[in-house]
Amino acid sequence: VELLNGYLTAVTEVILKRRGVVDKYIGDAVMAFWGAPLEEKNHAYLACVSALEMSAAAETFSGAQGEGTPPIKTGYGINTGDVIVGNMGSHQRFDYTAIGDAVNLASRLEGLNKEYGTEIIASSMTIEAIQKSGKLGEFAYRFLDRVIVKGKNEPVPIYEILNFKENFSGSEWLAVYEKGVEAFEKQDAVVSRQCFERVIEIKGDDGPSRFFLKRLEDIEKGDASWEAATKMTHK
């Protein structure tokens, strides 16, 4: 309990500093939103900044724990869209909260970090919102996939927020990765495999590259096809 409370305190401080609203704690998870009750023009940008800063805060907190304490690993899902925000509940008890499809998708994206070996996944809607604000250049990010999450029929492009651009030092492997994704979308198995294997050589390990290599393997075996989107069958 002491460990959990210390961790939640560290990440909550980041959310509040970045003008977010802590909706609720769900076990060891935190749900937060931006843009209500007061309008916030840069809500998508602040959410991504918060995720990077929460990751750093969690790492610092984890490193300060005594020997024998397992490292704290975090995952973040960020989505942008219209939601319903207000006091909801019963006559006996209610909470100020946000509900809607956009909230559900953010939760699904958080869970996808386990599939891709990533930490921060943002939807294309979030990326587009930051681009409109003129602040997308502050981040290092990469395209991950087009996914159809459980309960939905339309594919959603998703991206990994890697770091602040000024702190990112992986431009070499990122360029190779992007070349691999381009080759994959052209259904060029040879070039895409070479690129993803090269990323792992340069970086040491890379979850998204391993994910694409597994898809290439499944395609060669006939267990998968060159589909435009990956369908996730679980939350």
Protein backbone atom coordinates (compact mmCIF):
# COMPACT_ATOMS: atom_id res chain seq x y z
CA VAL A 1 0.00 0.00 0.00
CA GLU A 2 2.84 2.37 0.83
CA LEU A 3 4.50 1.67 -2.52
CA LEU A 4 1.26 2.16 -4.45
CA ASN A 5 0.38 5.39 -2.66
CA GLY A 6 3.85 6.78 -3.28
CA TYR A 7 3.66 5.95 -6.98
CA LEU A 8 0.16 7.40 -7.41
CA THR A 9 1.25 10.58 -5.63
CA ALA A 10 4.20 11.01 -7.98
CA VAL A 11 2.17 10.66 -11.19
CA THR A 12 -0.79 12.65 -9.86
CA GLU A 13 1.49 15.62 -9.24
CA VAL A 14 2.38 15.60 -12.94
CA ILE A 15 -1.27 15.52 -14.06
CA LEU A 16 -2.23 18.43 -11.82
CA LYS A 17 0.84 20.43 -12.84
CA ARG A 18 -0.19 20.00 -16.49
CA ARG A 19 -3.76 21.17 -15.78
CA GLY A 20 -5.33 17.74 -16.00
CA VAL A 21 -8.22 16.36 -13.96
CA VAL A 22 -7.72 13.12 -12.05
CA ASP A 23 -10.95 11.26 -12.76
CA LYS A 24 -10.35 8.19 -10.62
CA TYR A 25 -7.88 5.58 -9.43
CA ILE A 26 -8.58 2.07 -10.69
CA GLY A 27 -6.36 -0.21 -8.67
CA ASP A 28 -2.87 0.84 -9.73
CA ALA A 29 -4.17 2.82 -12.72
CA VAL A 30 -4.99 6.50 -13.03
CA MET A 31 -7.67 7.90 -15.35
CA ALA A 32 -7.26 11.57 -16.20
CA PHE A 33 -8.69 13.99 -18.75
CA TRP A 34 -8.10 17.49 -20.07
CA GLY A 35 -10.50 20.12 -21.40
CA ALA A 36 -13.12 20.12 -18.64
CA PRO A 37 -14.55 21.75 -16.63
CA LEU A 38 -12.57 24.60 -18.21
CA GLU A 39 -11.73 24.64 -21.89
CA GLU A 40 -8.11 23.76 -22.63
CA LYS A 41 -6.92 24.50 -26.16
CA ASN A 42 -3.82 22.30 -25.96
CA HIS A 43 -5.47 19.31 -24.25
CA ALA A 44 -3.96 16.65 -26.53
CA TYR A 45 -0.49 18.16 -26.26
CA LEU A 46 -0.69 18.37 -22.46
CA ALA A 47 -1.86 14.75 -22.23
CA CYS A 48 1.20 13.53 -24.17
CA VAL A 49 3.56 15.78 -22.20
CA SER A 50 2.04 14.38 -19.00
CA ALA A 51 2.52 10.78 -20.14
CA LEU A 52 6.23 11.37 -20.79
CA GLU A 53 6.66 13.19 -17.50
CA MET A 54 4.70 10.54 -15.59
CA SER A 55 6.94 7.88 -17.09
CA ALA A 56 10.01 9.77 -15.88
CA ALA A 57 8.43 10.32 -12.44
CA ALA A 58 7.60 6.62 -12.14
CA GLU A 59 11.16 5.67 -13.09
CA THR A 60 12.60 8.08 -10.52
CA PHE A 61 10.25 6.82 -7.83
CA SER A 62 11.03 3.20 -8.68
CA GLY A 63 14.76 3.84 -8.54
CA ALA A 64 14.43 5.36 -5.07
CA GLN A 65 12.96 2.19 -3.59
CA GLY A 66 15.05 -0.24 -1.61
CA GLU A 67 16.75 -3.35 -2.92
CA GLY A 68 14.43 -6.24 -3.65
CA THR A 69 11.62 -4.01 -4.84
CA PRO A 70 10.68 -4.92 -8.43
CA PRO A 71 10.89 -2.06 -10.95
CA ILE A 72 7.68 -0.22 -11.72
CA LYS A 73 6.63 -0.54 -15.36
CA THR A 74 3.93 1.73 -16.72
CA GLY A 75 1.71 1.91 -19.80
CA TYR A 76 -0.30 4.85 -21.15
CA GLY A 77 -3.18 5.11 -23.61
CA ILE A 78 -4.10 8.54 -24.99
CA ASN A 79 -7.10 9.38 -27.14
CA THR A 80 -8.82 12.59 -28.18
CA GLY A 81 -12.53 12.99 -28.83
CA ASP A 82 -15.91 14.17 -27.61
CA VAL A 83 -17.05 12.79 -24.25
CA ILE A 84 -19.79 13.45 -21.73
CA VAL A 85 -18.44 15.02 -18.55
CA GLY A 86 -20.43 15.70 -15.40
CA ASN A 87 -21.61 14.47 -12.03
CA MET A 88 -22.79 10.90 -12.56
CA GLY A 89 -23.95 8.18 -10.23
CA SER A 90 -26.80 7.53 -7.84
CA HIS A 91 -28.71 9.67 -5.36
CA GLN A 92 -26.50 8.23 -2.65
CA ARG A 93 -23.15 8.77 -4.36
CA PHE A 94 -21.87 10.35 -7.57
CA ASP A 95 -18.56 11.33 -9.17
CA TYR A 96 -17.42 14.00 -11.58
CA THR A 97 -16.33 11.82 -14.48
CA ALA A 98 -16.05 11.40 -18.24
CA ILE A 99 -17.80 8.68 -20.26
CA GLY A 100 -18.08 7.82 -23.93
CA ASP A 101 -16.45 5.94 -26.80
CA ALA A 102 -13.38 8.16 -26.69
CA VAL A 103 -12.76 7.11 -23.08
CA ASN A 104 -13.19 3.44 -23.94
CA LEU A 105 -10.70 3.68 -26.81
CA ALA A 106 -8.09 5.29 -24.56
CA SER A 107 -8.45 2.33 -22.20
CA ARG A 108 -8.04 -0.13 -25.07
CA LEU A 109 -4.91 1.67 -26.26
CA GLU A 110 -3.37 1.42 -22.82
CA GLY A 111 -3.83 -2.33 -22.94
CA LEU A 112 -2.18 -2.56 -26.37
CA ASN A 113 1.19 -1.61 -24.89
CA LYS A 114 1.53 -5.23 -23.82
CA GLU A 115 1.01 -6.38 -27.42
CA TYR A 116 3.56 -4.02 -28.95
CA GLY A 117 6.12 -3.85 -26.16
CA THR A 118 5.63 -0.09 -25.89
CA GLU A 119 4.87 2.38 -23.10
CA ILE A 120 2.87 5.28 -24.56
CA ILE A 121 0.32 4.74 -27.35
CA ALA A 122 -1.69 7.61 -28.81
CA SER A 123 -4.47 7.48 -31.38
CA SER A 124 -4.32 9.29 -34.71
CA MET A 125 -6.95 11.69 -33.35
CA THR A 126 -4.52 12.79 -30.67
CA ILE A 127 -1.65 13.15 -33.15
CA GLU A 128 -3.85 15.20 -35.48
CA ALA A 129 -4.98 17.46 -32.63
CA ILE A 130 -1.37 18.17 -31.63
CA GLN A 131 -0.45 18.80 -35.26
CA LYS A 132 -3.21 21.39 -35.54
CA SER A 133 -1.82 23.15 -32.47
CA GLY A 134 1.59 23.37 -34.14
CA LYS A 135 3.33 21.42 -31.36
CA LEU A 136 3.81 18.00 -32.94
CA GLY A 137 7.43 18.81 -33.71
CA GLU A 138 8.20 18.74 -29.99
CA PHE A 139 7.78 14.96 -29.90
CA ALA A 140 9.65 11.99 -31.31
CA TYR A 141 6.98 9.48 -32.31
CA ARG A 142 6.37 6.65 -34.77
CA PHE A 143 3.51 4.90 -36.51
CA LEU A 144 2.72 1.54 -34.95
CA ASP A 145 -0.22 -0.04 -36.71
CA ARG A 146 -3.85 0.20 -37.71
CA VAL A 147 -5.91 -1.68 -35.18
CA ILE A 148 -9.52 -2.70 -34.77
CA VAL A 149 -9.99 -2.87 -31.02
CA LYS A 150 -12.51 -5.14 -29.34
CA GLY A 151 -16.03 -3.78 -29.69
CA LYS A 152 -15.23 -1.66 -32.76
CA ASN A 153 -15.36 -2.23 -36.52
CA GLU A 154 -13.31 0.66 -37.90
CA PRO A 155 -9.49 0.57 -37.84
CA VAL A 156 -7.68 3.27 -35.88
CA PRO A 157 -4.10 4.29 -36.72
CA ILE A 158 -2.01 4.28 -33.56
CA TYR A 159 1.37 5.82 -32.74
CA GLU A 160 4.01 5.47 -30.07
CA ILE A 161 5.15 8.63 -28.31
CA LEU A 162 8.87 7.95 -27.86
CA ASN A 163 10.21 11.03 -26.11
CA PHE A 164 10.54 14.77 -26.33
CA LYS A 165 12.33 15.54 -29.60
CA GLU A 166 15.16 17.33 -27.80
CA ASN A 167 15.84 14.27 -25.63
CA PHE A 168 15.55 11.64 -28.37
CA SER A 169 18.76 10.00 -29.60
CA GLY A 170 17.39 7.15 -31.72
CA SER A 171 17.06 8.86 -35.10
CA GLU A 172 19.19 6.17 -36.80
CA TRP A 173 17.03 3.18 -35.83
CA LEU A 174 13.81 5.20 -36.21
CA ALA A 175 14.63 5.93 -39.87
CA VAL A 176 15.23 2.21 -40.49
CA TYR A 177 11.98 1.34 -38.71
CA GLU A 178 9.98 3.77 -40.84
CA LYS A 179 11.51 2.26 -43.97
CA GLY A 180 10.44 -1.18 -42.71
CA VAL A 181 6.85 -0.03 -42.16
CA GLU A 182 6.76 1.49 -45.63
CA ALA A 183 8.00 -1.79 -47.13
CA PHE A 184 5.48 -3.77 -45.09
CA GLU A 185 2.61 -1.67 -46.41
CA LYS A 186 3.88 -2.36 -49.94
CA GLN A 187 3.85 -6.07 -49.04
CA ASP A 188 7.60 -6.32 -49.53
CA ALA A 189 8.45 -9.05 -47.03
CA VAL A 190 12.19 -9.14 -47.78
CA VAL A 191 12.93 -5.45 -47.26
CA SER A 192 10.60 -5.07 -44.28
CA ARG A 193 12.16 -8.06 -42.51
CA GLN A 194 15.66 -6.74 -43.14
CA CYS A 195 14.69 -3.36 -41.71
CA PHE A 196 13.02 -4.66 -38.57
CA GLU A 197 15.91 -7.02 -37.87
CA ARG A 198 18.31 -4.12 -38.34
CA VAL A 199 16.34 -2.00 -35.85
CA ILE A 200 16.76 -4.72 -33.23
CA GLU A 201 20.50 -4.86 -33.98
CA ILE A 202 20.88 -1.11 -33.51
CA LYS A 203 18.49 -0.63 -30.60
CA GLY A 204 19.12 -3.88 -28.75
CA ASP A 205 15.45 -4.82 -28.69
CA ASP A 206 12.27 -3.30 -30.05
CA GLY A 207 8.74 -4.50 -29.34
CA PRO A 208 7.06 -3.08 -32.47
CA SER A 209 9.77 -4.54 -34.73
CA ARG A 210 9.30 -7.94 -33.11
CA PHE A 211 5.57 -7.56 -33.59
CA PHE A 212 5.97 -6.93 -37.33
CA LEU A 213 8.46 -9.79 -37.68
CA LYS A 214 5.92 -12.12 -36.09
CA ARG A 215 3.27 -10.92 -38.55
CA LEU A 216 5.63 -11.58 -41.45
CA GLU A 217 6.25 -15.07 -40.10
CA ASP A 218 2.52 -15.73 -39.80
CA ILE A 219 1.93 -14.46 -43.35
CA GLU A 220 4.59 -16.80 -44.71
CA LYS A 221 3.03 -19.73 -42.85
CA GLY A 222 -0.40 -18.86 -44.19
CA ASP A 223 -1.73 -18.12 -40.71
CA ALA A 224 -2.29 -14.45 -41.58
CA SER A 225 -2.80 -12.27 -44.63
CA TRP A 226 -1.64 -8.82 -45.71
CA GLU A 227 -4.51 -7.14 -43.92
CA ALA A 228 -4.78 -3.37 -43.65
CA ALA A 229 -5.47 -3.56 -39.92
CA THR A 230 -4.77 -5.84 -36.98
CA LYS A 231 -7.88 -6.99 -35.17
CA MET A 232 -7.52 -7.28 -31.40
CA THR A 233 -9.74 -9.95 -29.89
CA HIS A 234 -9.34 -8.95 -26.23
CA LYS A 235 -9.31 -5.82 -24.10
